[in-house]
Amino acid sequence: MSTAGFPAGLGPQPPLTVECSRVPGGLVCSLIGDLDLDTCPQARMALWRAIESWPEVVCVDMREVTFCGSAGLNVLLGARALAEQEGVPLAVIAPSPQVERLLEVIDAQRLFLIYPHYELAVDDLGSF
C-alpha cells in the first residue's frame, strides 16, 4: 500500500483557517483557504465574535481565500448586517482574485468598503 508523503511540517491543509488579531484601532480577521458551505459556520462564528467585541473597526482580510461561493458571500452579507446593527465599521481587505471576481459580479462597491491594507481601513474608518 502506498501513501502520499508530505515534507516535514507540511501536511494536508485544513479547508479554512481563521486568524483574528488585534491591531491598533481595530481587529483583523484573516480568512485562509476555502470559504464554502462546509467552512462557513467557522467563518461566521469568528466574524460574529469579532463584531460583537465592539472593536473600532473589523477588517476581513481575504487575500488568501482560494474559493468563495454563494455561502461565503452570505457570510459576508450577514457580517455586514450585524456590523451595521452594532455600529461597528466593517471592511473587506485585499480580496483574492477569485473573491474579487465574485464581488464584481454583485457590484460589491455598493455593499462593502474594500481596502488594499487594513492600515488604510483603520485610518479611514476609525473616526466613524
N, C-alpha and C. Protein backbone atom coordinates (compact mmCIF):
# COMPACT_ATOMS: atom_id res chain seq x y z
N MET A 1 0.84 -1.17 0.00
CA MET A 1 0.00 0.00 0.00
C MET A 1 0.89 1.23 0.00
N SER A 2 0.55 2.21 -0.84
CA SER A 2 1.34 3.43 -0.96
C SER A 2 0.58 4.60 -0.36
N THR A 3 1.28 5.43 0.34
CA THR A 3 0.66 6.63 0.87
C THR A 3 1.42 7.84 0.38
N ALA A 4 0.70 8.91 0.16
CA ALA A 4 1.36 10.15 -0.28
C ALA A 4 2.09 10.75 0.91
N GLY A 5 3.33 11.08 0.71
CA GLY A 5 4.11 11.68 1.78
C GLY A 5 4.15 13.18 1.64
N PHE A 6 4.23 13.85 2.74
CA PHE A 6 4.34 15.30 2.76
C PHE A 6 5.67 15.66 3.40
N PRO A 7 6.35 16.69 2.93
CA PRO A 7 7.57 17.13 3.60
C PRO A 7 7.28 17.45 5.07
N ALA A 8 8.28 17.34 5.88
CA ALA A 8 8.13 17.59 7.32
C ALA A 8 7.43 18.91 7.57
N GLY A 9 6.39 18.87 8.39
CA GLY A 9 5.66 20.08 8.75
C GLY A 9 4.62 20.50 7.73
N LEU A 10 4.55 19.80 6.60
CA LEU A 10 3.58 20.17 5.57
C LEU A 10 2.63 19.01 5.35
N GLY A 11 1.55 19.00 6.06
CA GLY A 11 0.52 18.00 5.85
C GLY A 11 -0.61 18.61 5.06
N PRO A 12 -1.67 17.88 4.89
CA PRO A 12 -2.82 18.47 4.21
C PRO A 12 -3.32 19.68 5.00
N GLN A 13 -3.60 20.73 4.29
CA GLN A 13 -4.05 21.97 4.94
C GLN A 13 -5.54 21.89 5.24
N PRO A 14 -5.98 22.46 6.35
CA PRO A 14 -7.42 22.48 6.64
C PRO A 14 -8.11 23.34 5.58
N PRO A 15 -9.39 23.05 5.31
CA PRO A 15 -10.10 23.80 4.28
C PRO A 15 -10.18 25.30 4.57
N LEU A 16 -10.26 25.69 5.83
CA LEU A 16 -10.31 27.10 6.19
C LEU A 16 -9.64 27.32 7.53
N THR A 17 -8.83 28.34 7.59
CA THR A 17 -8.24 28.80 8.84
C THR A 17 -8.69 30.23 9.05
N VAL A 18 -9.09 30.56 10.26
CA VAL A 18 -9.48 31.92 10.60
C VAL A 18 -8.56 32.39 11.71
N GLU A 19 -7.86 33.49 11.45
CA GLU A 19 -6.96 34.07 12.45
C GLU A 19 -7.41 35.50 12.72
N CYS A 20 -7.79 35.77 13.95
CA CYS A 20 -8.20 37.12 14.34
C CYS A 20 -7.16 37.71 15.26
N SER A 21 -6.77 38.94 15.00
CA SER A 21 -5.77 39.58 15.84
C SER A 21 -6.08 41.07 15.99
N ARG A 22 -5.82 41.55 17.18
CA ARG A 22 -6.00 42.98 17.44
C ARG A 22 -4.85 43.75 16.83
N VAL A 23 -5.19 44.88 16.24
CA VAL A 23 -4.21 45.81 15.69
C VAL A 23 -4.59 47.18 16.24
N PRO A 24 -3.67 48.13 16.22
CA PRO A 24 -4.03 49.47 16.70
C PRO A 24 -5.24 50.00 15.94
N GLY A 25 -6.31 50.26 16.66
CA GLY A 25 -7.52 50.82 16.06
C GLY A 25 -8.52 49.81 15.53
N GLY A 26 -8.29 48.52 15.73
CA GLY A 26 -9.26 47.57 15.21
C GLY A 26 -8.90 46.12 15.42
N LEU A 27 -9.57 45.29 14.64
CA LEU A 27 -9.41 43.85 14.71
C LEU A 27 -9.36 43.33 13.27
N VAL A 28 -8.38 42.48 12.97
CA VAL A 28 -8.25 41.89 11.64
C VAL A 28 -8.56 40.40 11.75
N CYS A 29 -9.53 39.95 10.93
CA CYS A 29 -9.84 38.53 10.83
C CYS A 29 -9.39 38.07 9.45
N SER A 30 -8.36 37.24 9.41
CA SER A 30 -7.83 36.72 8.16
C SER A 30 -8.47 35.38 7.87
N LEU A 31 -9.05 35.26 6.68
CA LEU A 31 -9.63 34.00 6.23
C LEU A 31 -8.64 33.38 5.25
N ILE A 32 -8.27 32.12 5.51
CA ILE A 32 -7.25 31.46 4.71
C ILE A 32 -7.79 30.11 4.25
N GLY A 33 -7.95 29.96 2.94
CA GLY A 33 -8.45 28.70 2.39
C GLY A 33 -9.78 28.88 1.70
N ASP A 34 -10.60 27.83 1.74
CA ASP A 34 -11.89 27.82 1.05
C ASP A 34 -13.00 28.31 1.96
N LEU A 35 -13.81 29.20 1.44
CA LEU A 35 -14.98 29.70 2.14
C LEU A 35 -16.20 29.13 1.42
N ASP A 36 -16.62 27.94 1.88
CA ASP A 36 -17.70 27.23 1.20
C ASP A 36 -18.74 26.77 2.22
N LEU A 37 -19.69 26.00 1.75
CA LEU A 37 -20.79 25.56 2.61
C LEU A 37 -20.30 24.86 3.88
N ASP A 38 -19.23 24.08 3.77
CA ASP A 38 -18.71 23.34 4.93
C ASP A 38 -17.95 24.22 5.92
N THR A 39 -17.30 25.26 5.41
CA THR A 39 -16.45 26.08 6.28
C THR A 39 -17.11 27.37 6.75
N CYS A 40 -18.25 27.71 6.16
CA CYS A 40 -18.90 28.97 6.52
C CYS A 40 -19.29 29.09 8.00
N PRO A 41 -19.76 28.02 8.65
CA PRO A 41 -20.08 28.17 10.07
C PRO A 41 -18.88 28.65 10.90
N GLN A 42 -17.69 28.14 10.58
CA GLN A 42 -16.48 28.55 11.29
C GLN A 42 -16.20 30.03 11.04
N ALA A 43 -16.29 30.46 9.80
CA ALA A 43 -16.05 31.87 9.47
C ALA A 43 -17.10 32.77 10.10
N ARG A 44 -18.36 32.35 10.02
CA ARG A 44 -19.46 33.14 10.59
C ARG A 44 -19.25 33.35 12.09
N MET A 45 -18.92 32.28 12.80
CA MET A 45 -18.73 32.38 14.25
C MET A 45 -17.59 33.35 14.58
N ALA A 46 -16.50 33.25 13.85
CA ALA A 46 -15.35 34.12 14.12
C ALA A 46 -15.70 35.58 13.84
N LEU A 47 -16.38 35.85 12.72
CA LEU A 47 -16.74 37.23 12.39
C LEU A 47 -17.76 37.79 13.36
N TRP A 48 -18.73 36.98 13.76
CA TRP A 48 -19.73 37.46 14.73
C TRP A 48 -19.06 37.81 16.06
N ARG A 49 -18.18 36.93 16.52
CA ARG A 49 -17.47 37.22 17.77
C ARG A 49 -16.64 38.48 17.65
N ALA A 50 -15.99 38.66 16.52
CA ALA A 50 -15.16 39.85 16.31
C ALA A 50 -16.03 41.10 16.37
N ILE A 51 -17.14 41.10 15.66
CA ILE A 51 -18.02 42.27 15.62
C ILE A 51 -18.61 42.54 16.99
N GLU A 52 -19.03 41.48 17.69
CA GLU A 52 -19.66 41.66 18.99
C GLU A 52 -18.68 42.01 20.10
N SER A 53 -17.38 42.03 19.79
CA SER A 53 -16.40 42.51 20.77
C SER A 53 -16.25 44.03 20.66
N TRP A 54 -16.97 44.65 19.75
CA TRP A 54 -17.04 46.09 19.52
C TRP A 54 -15.68 46.76 19.37
N PRO A 55 -14.85 46.26 18.46
CA PRO A 55 -13.61 47.00 18.18
C PRO A 55 -13.96 48.25 17.40
N GLU A 56 -13.03 49.13 17.24
CA GLU A 56 -13.28 50.35 16.48
C GLU A 56 -13.60 50.03 15.02
N VAL A 57 -12.91 49.03 14.44
CA VAL A 57 -13.11 48.60 13.05
C VAL A 57 -12.85 47.10 12.98
N VAL A 58 -13.65 46.37 12.17
CA VAL A 58 -13.37 44.97 11.88
C VAL A 58 -12.95 44.89 10.42
N CYS A 59 -11.77 44.30 10.19
CA CYS A 59 -11.24 44.12 8.84
C CYS A 59 -11.24 42.63 8.52
N VAL A 60 -11.87 42.26 7.41
CA VAL A 60 -11.90 40.87 6.97
C VAL A 60 -10.88 40.72 5.85
N ASP A 61 -9.73 40.18 6.19
CA ASP A 61 -8.64 40.02 5.24
C ASP A 61 -8.90 38.76 4.41
N MET A 62 -9.07 38.97 3.09
CA MET A 62 -9.44 37.86 2.20
C MET A 62 -8.38 37.58 1.15
N ARG A 63 -7.15 38.02 1.39
CA ARG A 63 -6.09 37.84 0.39
C ARG A 63 -5.75 36.37 0.16
N GLU A 64 -6.00 35.51 1.13
CA GLU A 64 -5.64 34.10 0.99
C GLU A 64 -6.86 33.19 0.87
N VAL A 65 -8.00 33.75 0.47
CA VAL A 65 -9.18 32.93 0.24
C VAL A 65 -9.05 32.33 -1.16
N THR A 66 -9.05 31.01 -1.24
CA THR A 66 -8.85 30.33 -2.52
C THR A 66 -10.16 30.02 -3.23
N PHE A 67 -11.26 29.97 -2.48
CA PHE A 67 -12.58 29.75 -3.07
C PHE A 67 -13.61 30.47 -2.20
N CYS A 68 -14.56 31.12 -2.85
CA CYS A 68 -15.66 31.75 -2.13
C CYS A 68 -16.91 31.61 -2.99
N GLY A 69 -17.84 30.79 -2.53
CA GLY A 69 -19.09 30.58 -3.24
C GLY A 69 -20.20 31.43 -2.65
N SER A 70 -21.42 31.10 -3.01
CA SER A 70 -22.57 31.87 -2.53
C SER A 70 -22.71 31.79 -1.02
N ALA A 71 -22.33 30.66 -0.42
CA ALA A 71 -22.40 30.54 1.04
C ALA A 71 -21.43 31.52 1.69
N GLY A 72 -20.23 31.66 1.12
CA GLY A 72 -19.26 32.62 1.64
C GLY A 72 -19.75 34.04 1.49
N LEU A 73 -20.37 34.33 0.35
CA LEU A 73 -20.95 35.65 0.14
C LEU A 73 -22.03 35.94 1.18
N ASN A 74 -22.84 34.94 1.50
CA ASN A 74 -23.87 35.13 2.53
C ASN A 74 -23.27 35.41 3.89
N VAL A 75 -22.12 34.79 4.20
CA VAL A 75 -21.43 35.08 5.46
C VAL A 75 -21.01 36.55 5.49
N LEU A 76 -20.44 37.03 4.39
CA LEU A 76 -20.02 38.44 4.32
C LEU A 76 -21.22 39.38 4.45
N LEU A 77 -22.30 39.06 3.77
CA LEU A 77 -23.50 39.91 3.86
C LEU A 77 -24.08 39.90 5.28
N GLY A 78 -24.06 38.73 5.92
CA GLY A 78 -24.54 38.65 7.30
C GLY A 78 -23.65 39.43 8.25
N ALA A 79 -22.34 39.35 8.04
CA ALA A 79 -21.40 40.11 8.88
C ALA A 79 -21.61 41.61 8.67
N ARG A 80 -21.84 42.00 7.42
CA ARG A 80 -22.11 43.41 7.12
C ARG A 80 -23.36 43.89 7.86
N ALA A 81 -24.43 43.10 7.83
CA ALA A 81 -25.68 43.47 8.50
C ALA A 81 -25.48 43.56 10.01
N LEU A 82 -24.78 42.59 10.59
CA LEU A 82 -24.54 42.62 12.04
C LEU A 82 -23.67 43.81 12.41
N ALA A 83 -22.63 44.06 11.64
CA ALA A 83 -21.74 45.18 11.92
C ALA A 83 -22.51 46.50 11.88
N GLU A 84 -23.38 46.63 10.89
CA GLU A 84 -24.19 47.85 10.79
C GLU A 84 -25.10 47.98 12.01
N GLN A 85 -25.72 46.88 12.40
CA GLN A 85 -26.61 46.87 13.57
C GLN A 85 -25.86 47.24 14.85
N GLU A 86 -24.62 46.76 14.98
CA GLU A 86 -23.82 47.01 16.18
C GLU A 86 -23.05 48.33 16.12
N GLY A 87 -23.08 49.00 14.97
CA GLY A 87 -22.37 50.26 14.83
C GLY A 87 -20.86 50.09 14.72
N VAL A 88 -20.44 48.97 14.17
CA VAL A 88 -19.01 48.68 14.00
C VAL A 88 -18.69 48.72 12.51
N PRO A 89 -17.81 49.60 12.06
CA PRO A 89 -17.43 49.60 10.64
C PRO A 89 -16.78 48.28 10.25
N LEU A 90 -17.13 47.78 9.07
CA LEU A 90 -16.60 46.53 8.55
C LEU A 90 -15.96 46.80 7.20
N ALA A 91 -14.74 46.31 7.02
CA ALA A 91 -14.02 46.49 5.76
C ALA A 91 -13.55 45.14 5.24
N VAL A 92 -13.59 44.97 3.93
CA VAL A 92 -13.02 43.81 3.27
C VAL A 92 -11.63 44.22 2.80
N ILE A 93 -10.65 43.41 3.16
CA ILE A 93 -9.26 43.75 2.88
C ILE A 93 -8.68 42.81 1.82
N ALA A 94 -8.10 43.40 0.79
CA ALA A 94 -7.31 42.70 -0.23
C ALA A 94 -7.96 41.40 -0.71
N PRO A 95 -9.17 41.48 -1.28
CA PRO A 95 -9.78 40.23 -1.75
C PRO A 95 -8.91 39.55 -2.80
N SER A 96 -8.81 38.23 -2.68
CA SER A 96 -8.04 37.45 -3.66
C SER A 96 -8.71 37.60 -5.03
N PRO A 97 -8.01 37.25 -6.11
CA PRO A 97 -8.62 37.38 -7.44
C PRO A 97 -9.96 36.66 -7.56
N GLN A 98 -10.09 35.48 -6.96
CA GLN A 98 -11.35 34.75 -7.03
C GLN A 98 -12.45 35.50 -6.31
N VAL A 99 -12.16 36.02 -5.13
CA VAL A 99 -13.15 36.77 -4.36
C VAL A 99 -13.46 38.09 -5.07
N GLU A 100 -12.44 38.71 -5.61
CA GLU A 100 -12.65 39.97 -6.32
C GLU A 100 -13.62 39.80 -7.49
N ARG A 101 -13.50 38.71 -8.24
CA ARG A 101 -14.43 38.45 -9.35
C ARG A 101 -15.85 38.30 -8.83
N LEU A 102 -16.02 37.56 -7.74
CA LEU A 102 -17.34 37.37 -7.15
C LEU A 102 -17.93 38.71 -6.71
N LEU A 103 -17.13 39.54 -6.06
CA LEU A 103 -17.60 40.84 -5.59
C LEU A 103 -17.94 41.76 -6.76
N GLU A 104 -17.20 41.65 -7.86
CA GLU A 104 -17.52 42.46 -9.05
C GLU A 104 -18.87 42.06 -9.63
N VAL A 105 -19.16 40.77 -9.64
CA VAL A 105 -20.43 40.28 -10.20
C VAL A 105 -21.62 40.87 -9.44
N ILE A 106 -21.48 41.03 -8.13
CA ILE A 106 -22.60 41.55 -7.33
C ILE A 106 -22.50 43.06 -7.11
N ASP A 107 -21.56 43.71 -7.79
CA ASP A 107 -21.38 45.15 -7.65
C ASP A 107 -21.12 45.52 -6.19
N ALA A 108 -20.13 44.85 -5.61
CA ALA A 108 -19.85 44.96 -4.18
C ALA A 108 -19.40 46.34 -3.72
N GLN A 109 -18.97 47.19 -4.65
CA GLN A 109 -18.56 48.53 -4.24
C GLN A 109 -19.70 49.25 -3.52
N ARG A 110 -20.94 48.88 -3.84
CA ARG A 110 -22.09 49.47 -3.16
C ARG A 110 -22.31 48.86 -1.78
N LEU A 111 -21.84 47.63 -1.59
CA LEU A 111 -22.16 46.89 -0.38
C LEU A 111 -21.05 46.85 0.66
N PHE A 112 -19.81 46.84 0.20
CA PHE A 112 -18.68 46.66 1.11
C PHE A 112 -17.66 47.77 0.93
N LEU A 113 -17.01 48.12 2.01
CA LEU A 113 -15.87 49.01 1.97
C LEU A 113 -14.65 48.14 1.75
N ILE A 114 -13.97 48.31 0.61
CA ILE A 114 -12.87 47.44 0.22
C ILE A 114 -11.57 48.24 0.22
N TYR A 115 -10.56 47.70 0.90
CA TYR A 115 -9.26 48.37 1.03
C TYR A 115 -8.14 47.39 0.70
N PRO A 116 -7.01 47.91 0.22
CA PRO A 116 -5.88 47.02 -0.07
C PRO A 116 -5.11 46.57 1.18
N HIS A 117 -5.18 47.35 2.27
CA HIS A 117 -4.46 47.05 3.51
C HIS A 117 -5.32 47.46 4.70
N TYR A 118 -5.20 46.72 5.80
CA TYR A 118 -6.00 47.05 6.97
C TYR A 118 -5.65 48.42 7.54
N GLU A 119 -4.39 48.83 7.39
CA GLU A 119 -4.00 50.14 7.94
C GLU A 119 -4.82 51.27 7.32
N LEU A 120 -5.07 51.18 6.02
CA LEU A 120 -5.87 52.20 5.35
C LEU A 120 -7.31 52.18 5.85
N ALA A 121 -7.85 50.98 6.06
CA ALA A 121 -9.22 50.86 6.55
C ALA A 121 -9.34 51.45 7.96
N VAL A 122 -8.39 51.11 8.82
CA VAL A 122 -8.43 51.62 10.20
C VAL A 122 -8.28 53.15 10.20
N ASP A 123 -7.37 53.67 9.39
CA ASP A 123 -7.21 55.12 9.30
C ASP A 123 -8.48 55.80 8.81
N ASP A 124 -9.11 55.20 7.81
CA ASP A 124 -10.29 55.80 7.20
C ASP A 124 -11.54 55.65 8.06
N LEU A 125 -11.74 54.47 8.62
CA LEU A 125 -12.98 54.17 9.32
C LEU A 125 -12.91 54.35 10.82
N GLY A 126 -11.74 54.49 11.36
CA GLY A 126 -11.58 54.61 12.80
C GLY A 126 -12.23 55.83 13.38
N SER A 127 -12.54 56.80 12.57
CA SER A 127 -13.15 58.03 13.08
C SER A 127 -14.66 58.01 12.98
N PHE A 128 -15.25 56.88 12.49
CA PHE A 128 -16.72 56.80 12.35
C PHE A 128 -17.38 56.93 13.70
